[in-house]
């Protein structure tokens, strides 16, 4: 079961425990036990989250692989300044 959970997270990225349970057809109680073991061994990083989807409050545990950092945001990064290539000379 651990291999299927890790494979699912490799393929889909960060997911809520409820979504993992539905996708893999694993009872939520059983899944939480396995996720707790994987988190204690360092394979997963988990945190409690609250999300509001269409006005509904959804609480759960967000899980992701510990070796899978989030992708960097697109665009310019804070603190990076554009250099001015033109020189201003006064004669």
N, C-alpha and C. Protein backbone atom coordinates (compact mmCIF):
# COMPACT_ATOMS: atom_id res chain seq x y z
N UNK A 1 0.81 -1.19 0.00
CA UNK A 1 0.00 0.00 0.00
C UNK A 1 0.86 1.26 0.00
N UNK A 2 2.00 1.21 0.67
CA UNK A 2 2.87 2.39 0.70
C UNK A 2 3.38 2.74 -0.69
N UNK A 3 3.67 1.72 -1.50
CA UNK A 3 4.16 1.97 -2.85
C UNK A 3 3.09 2.66 -3.70
N UNK A 4 1.83 2.26 -3.52
CA UNK A 4 0.76 2.89 -4.31
C UNK A 4 0.55 4.34 -3.88
N UNK A 5 0.68 4.63 -2.60
CA UNK A 5 0.54 6.02 -2.11
C UNK A 5 1.67 6.87 -2.63
N UNK A 6 2.89 6.37 -2.52
CA UNK A 6 4.04 7.13 -3.00
C UNK A 6 3.99 7.33 -4.52
N UNK A 7 3.56 6.31 -5.24
CA UNK A 7 3.42 6.43 -6.69
C UNK A 7 2.36 7.45 -7.07
N UNK A 8 1.24 7.45 -6.34
CA UNK A 8 0.18 8.41 -6.60
C UNK A 8 0.67 9.84 -6.37
N UNK A 9 1.41 10.06 -5.29
CA UNK A 9 1.92 11.41 -5.01
C UNK A 9 3.01 11.82 -6.01
N UNK A 10 3.80 10.87 -6.50
CA UNK A 10 4.78 11.17 -7.53
C UNK A 10 4.09 11.66 -8.80
N UNK A 11 2.99 11.01 -9.14
CA UNK A 11 2.28 11.33 -10.38
C UNK A 11 1.43 12.59 -10.26
N UNK A 12 0.86 12.86 -9.08
CA UNK A 12 -0.12 13.93 -8.94
C UNK A 12 0.33 15.09 -8.07
N UNK A 13 1.47 14.99 -7.42
CA UNK A 13 1.93 16.08 -6.57
C UNK A 13 1.19 16.11 -5.24
N UNK A 14 1.20 17.26 -4.60
CA UNK A 14 0.60 17.42 -3.28
C UNK A 14 -0.92 17.19 -3.35
N UNK A 15 -1.43 16.40 -2.41
CA UNK A 15 -2.85 16.05 -2.38
C UNK A 15 -3.35 15.99 -0.94
N UNK A 16 -4.65 16.18 -0.78
CA UNK A 16 -5.29 15.98 0.52
C UNK A 16 -5.47 14.49 0.77
N UNK A 17 -5.49 14.10 2.04
CA UNK A 17 -5.66 12.69 2.38
C UNK A 17 -6.99 12.13 1.88
N UNK A 18 -8.02 12.95 1.87
CA UNK A 18 -9.32 12.51 1.38
C UNK A 18 -9.27 12.20 -0.11
N UNK A 19 -8.56 13.03 -0.87
CA UNK A 19 -8.43 12.80 -2.31
C UNK A 19 -7.63 11.54 -2.60
N UNK A 20 -6.58 11.29 -1.82
CA UNK A 20 -5.78 10.08 -1.99
C UNK A 20 -6.63 8.86 -1.69
N UNK A 21 -7.41 8.93 -0.61
CA UNK A 21 -8.27 7.82 -0.22
C UNK A 21 -9.29 7.49 -1.31
N UNK A 22 -9.92 8.51 -1.89
CA UNK A 22 -10.91 8.28 -2.94
C UNK A 22 -10.26 7.70 -4.20
N UNK A 23 -9.11 8.23 -4.58
CA UNK A 23 -8.46 7.79 -5.81
C UNK A 23 -7.95 6.36 -5.73
N UNK A 24 -7.43 5.98 -4.57
CA UNK A 24 -6.83 4.65 -4.42
C UNK A 24 -7.78 3.63 -3.80
N UNK A 25 -9.01 4.05 -3.48
CA UNK A 25 -10.01 3.16 -2.85
C UNK A 25 -9.50 2.52 -1.56
N UNK A 26 -8.91 3.37 -0.70
CA UNK A 26 -8.40 2.93 0.59
C UNK A 26 -9.25 3.62 1.66
N UNK A 27 -9.71 2.90 2.68
CA UNK A 27 -10.45 3.55 3.76
C UNK A 27 -9.61 4.64 4.41
N UNK A 28 -10.26 5.77 4.75
CA UNK A 28 -9.53 6.95 5.23
C UNK A 28 -8.77 6.65 6.54
N UNK A 29 -9.33 5.86 7.41
CA UNK A 29 -8.64 5.51 8.66
C UNK A 29 -7.36 4.74 8.42
N UNK A 30 -7.44 3.78 7.50
CA UNK A 30 -6.27 2.97 7.15
C UNK A 30 -5.22 3.85 6.47
N UNK A 31 -5.67 4.74 5.59
CA UNK A 31 -4.74 5.62 4.88
C UNK A 31 -4.00 6.54 5.86
N UNK A 32 -4.73 7.07 6.83
CA UNK A 32 -4.09 7.98 7.81
C UNK A 32 -3.03 7.26 8.63
N UNK A 33 -3.25 5.99 8.94
CA UNK A 33 -2.23 5.21 9.67
C UNK A 33 -0.96 5.06 8.82
N UNK A 34 -1.15 4.71 7.55
CA UNK A 34 0.00 4.51 6.65
C UNK A 34 0.72 5.84 6.42
N UNK A 35 -0.04 6.92 6.23
CA UNK A 35 0.56 8.24 6.01
C UNK A 35 1.35 8.68 7.24
N UNK A 36 0.84 8.39 8.43
CA UNK A 36 1.56 8.73 9.66
C UNK A 36 2.89 7.99 9.73
N UNK A 37 2.89 6.70 9.35
CA UNK A 37 4.14 5.94 9.34
C UNK A 37 5.12 6.48 8.31
N UNK A 38 4.61 6.83 7.12
CA UNK A 38 5.48 7.38 6.08
C UNK A 38 6.05 8.74 6.49
N UNK A 39 5.25 9.54 7.18
CA UNK A 39 5.72 10.85 7.64
C UNK A 39 6.78 10.70 8.72
N UNK A 40 6.59 9.74 9.62
CA UNK A 40 7.58 9.54 10.68
C UNK A 40 8.90 8.99 10.14
N UNK A 41 8.83 8.25 9.03
CA UNK A 41 10.06 7.72 8.43
C UNK A 41 10.75 8.75 7.53
N UNK A 42 10.05 9.86 7.23
CA UNK A 42 10.66 10.92 6.43
C UNK A 42 10.37 10.85 4.95
N UNK A 43 9.52 9.92 4.53
CA UNK A 43 9.18 9.81 3.11
C UNK A 43 8.16 10.85 2.67
N UNK A 44 7.29 11.28 3.59
CA UNK A 44 6.26 12.27 3.29
C UNK A 44 6.37 13.46 4.22
N UNK A 45 5.88 14.58 3.73
CA UNK A 45 5.71 15.76 4.57
C UNK A 45 4.22 16.04 4.61
N UNK A 46 3.67 16.13 5.82
CA UNK A 46 2.23 16.33 5.98
C UNK A 46 1.98 17.53 6.87
N UNK A 47 0.88 18.23 6.59
CA UNK A 47 0.46 19.32 7.45
C UNK A 47 -1.06 19.43 7.41
N UNK A 48 -1.63 19.91 8.50
CA UNK A 48 -3.07 20.10 8.59
C UNK A 48 -3.44 21.36 7.82
N UNK A 49 -4.47 21.30 6.98
CA UNK A 49 -4.89 22.44 6.19
C UNK A 49 -6.40 22.61 6.28
N UNK A 50 -6.83 23.84 6.06
CA UNK A 50 -8.24 24.17 5.95
C UNK A 50 -8.42 24.90 4.64
N UNK A 51 -9.29 24.38 3.78
CA UNK A 51 -9.55 25.01 2.49
C UNK A 51 -11.03 25.33 2.40
N UNK A 52 -11.32 26.41 1.70
CA UNK A 52 -12.69 26.79 1.46
C UNK A 52 -12.96 26.66 -0.03
N UNK A 53 -13.79 25.71 -0.40
CA UNK A 53 -14.13 25.46 -1.80
C UNK A 53 -15.63 25.67 -1.95
N UNK A 54 -16.00 26.65 -2.76
CA UNK A 54 -17.41 27.02 -2.98
C UNK A 54 -18.12 27.31 -1.66
N UNK A 55 -17.43 27.97 -0.73
CA UNK A 55 -18.03 28.34 0.54
C UNK A 55 -18.07 27.23 1.57
N UNK A 56 -17.62 26.03 1.21
CA UNK A 56 -17.59 24.92 2.15
C UNK A 56 -16.22 24.83 2.79
N UNK A 57 -16.20 24.59 4.08
CA UNK A 57 -14.94 24.44 4.82
C UNK A 57 -14.50 22.98 4.76
N UNK A 58 -13.32 22.75 4.21
CA UNK A 58 -12.78 21.39 4.10
C UNK A 58 -11.48 21.32 4.88
N UNK A 59 -11.47 20.47 5.90
CA UNK A 59 -10.26 20.27 6.71
C UNK A 59 -9.68 18.91 6.38
N UNK A 60 -8.37 18.85 6.34
CA UNK A 60 -7.72 17.59 6.04
C UNK A 60 -6.23 17.69 6.24
N UNK A 61 -5.54 16.68 5.81
CA UNK A 61 -4.09 16.64 5.89
C UNK A 61 -3.54 16.67 4.48
N UNK A 62 -2.69 17.64 4.22
CA UNK A 62 -2.05 17.77 2.92
C UNK A 62 -0.75 16.97 2.95
N UNK A 63 -0.54 16.14 1.94
CA UNK A 63 0.64 15.28 1.90
C UNK A 63 1.40 15.51 0.60
N UNK A 64 2.73 15.51 0.70
CA UNK A 64 3.59 15.56 -0.49
C UNK A 64 4.85 14.78 -0.19
N UNK A 65 5.55 14.40 -1.24
CA UNK A 65 6.81 13.69 -1.07
C UNK A 65 7.84 14.62 -0.45
N UNK A 66 8.67 14.09 0.42
CA UNK A 66 9.67 14.93 1.07
C UNK A 66 10.78 15.33 0.12
N UNK A 67 10.99 14.56 -0.93
CA UNK A 67 12.07 14.87 -1.87
C UNK A 67 11.56 15.69 -3.05
N UNK A 68 10.31 16.14 -3.01
CA UNK A 68 9.70 16.84 -4.13
C UNK A 68 9.38 18.28 -3.73
N UNK A 69 10.34 19.21 -3.88
CA UNK A 69 10.05 20.59 -3.50
C UNK A 69 9.07 21.23 -4.47
N UNK A 70 8.31 22.19 -4.01
CA UNK A 70 7.38 22.85 -4.92
C UNK A 70 8.13 23.56 -6.05
N UNK A 71 7.51 23.66 -7.21
CA UNK A 71 8.16 24.32 -8.33
C UNK A 71 8.23 25.82 -8.07
N UNK A 72 9.30 26.48 -8.50
CA UNK A 72 9.42 27.90 -8.28
C UNK A 72 8.36 28.67 -9.06
N UNK A 73 7.95 29.78 -8.50
CA UNK A 73 6.95 30.61 -9.17
C UNK A 73 7.52 31.21 -10.44
N UNK A 74 6.66 31.40 -11.43
CA UNK A 74 7.09 31.98 -12.69
C UNK A 74 7.25 33.49 -12.53
N UNK A 75 7.98 34.06 -13.44
CA UNK A 75 8.13 35.52 -13.45
C UNK A 75 9.36 35.99 -12.72
N UNK A 76 9.45 37.29 -12.60
CA UNK A 76 10.61 37.88 -11.93
C UNK A 76 10.56 37.58 -10.45
N UNK A 77 11.70 37.41 -9.88
CA UNK A 77 11.81 37.10 -8.46
C UNK A 77 11.99 38.40 -7.67
N UNK A 78 11.50 38.44 -6.45
CA UNK A 78 11.66 39.65 -5.65
C UNK A 78 13.13 39.92 -5.37
N UNK A 79 13.49 41.16 -5.40
CA UNK A 79 14.86 41.55 -5.11
C UNK A 79 15.76 41.60 -6.33
N UNK A 80 15.33 41.08 -7.44
CA UNK A 80 16.12 41.11 -8.66
C UNK A 80 15.78 42.39 -9.40
N UNK A 81 16.80 43.19 -9.65
CA UNK A 81 16.57 44.46 -10.32
C UNK A 81 17.11 44.41 -11.73
N UNK A 82 16.38 45.01 -12.61
CA UNK A 82 16.78 45.06 -14.00
C UNK A 82 17.91 46.09 -14.14
N UNK A 83 18.99 45.68 -14.78
CA UNK A 83 20.12 46.59 -14.95
C UNK A 83 19.87 47.47 -16.17
N UNK A 84 20.28 48.71 -16.06
CA UNK A 84 20.11 49.66 -17.16
C UNK A 84 21.37 49.63 -18.01
N UNK A 85 21.23 49.22 -19.27
CA UNK A 85 22.38 49.08 -20.16
C UNK A 85 22.85 50.40 -20.74
N UNK A 86 22.02 51.39 -20.75
CA UNK A 86 22.40 52.68 -21.34
C UNK A 86 23.16 53.51 -20.31
N UNK A 87 24.19 54.16 -20.80
CA UNK A 87 24.97 55.01 -19.93
C UNK A 87 24.59 56.47 -20.19
N UNK A 88 24.49 57.21 -19.16
CA UNK A 88 24.18 58.63 -19.34
C UNK A 88 25.47 59.43 -19.14
N UNK A 89 25.94 60.00 -20.22
CA UNK A 89 27.15 60.81 -20.18
C UNK A 89 26.76 62.28 -20.39
N UNK A 90 27.32 63.14 -19.59
CA UNK A 90 27.14 64.57 -19.82
C UNK A 90 28.44 65.14 -20.31
N UNK A 91 28.37 65.81 -21.42
CA UNK A 91 29.56 66.39 -22.03
C UNK A 91 29.63 67.86 -21.81
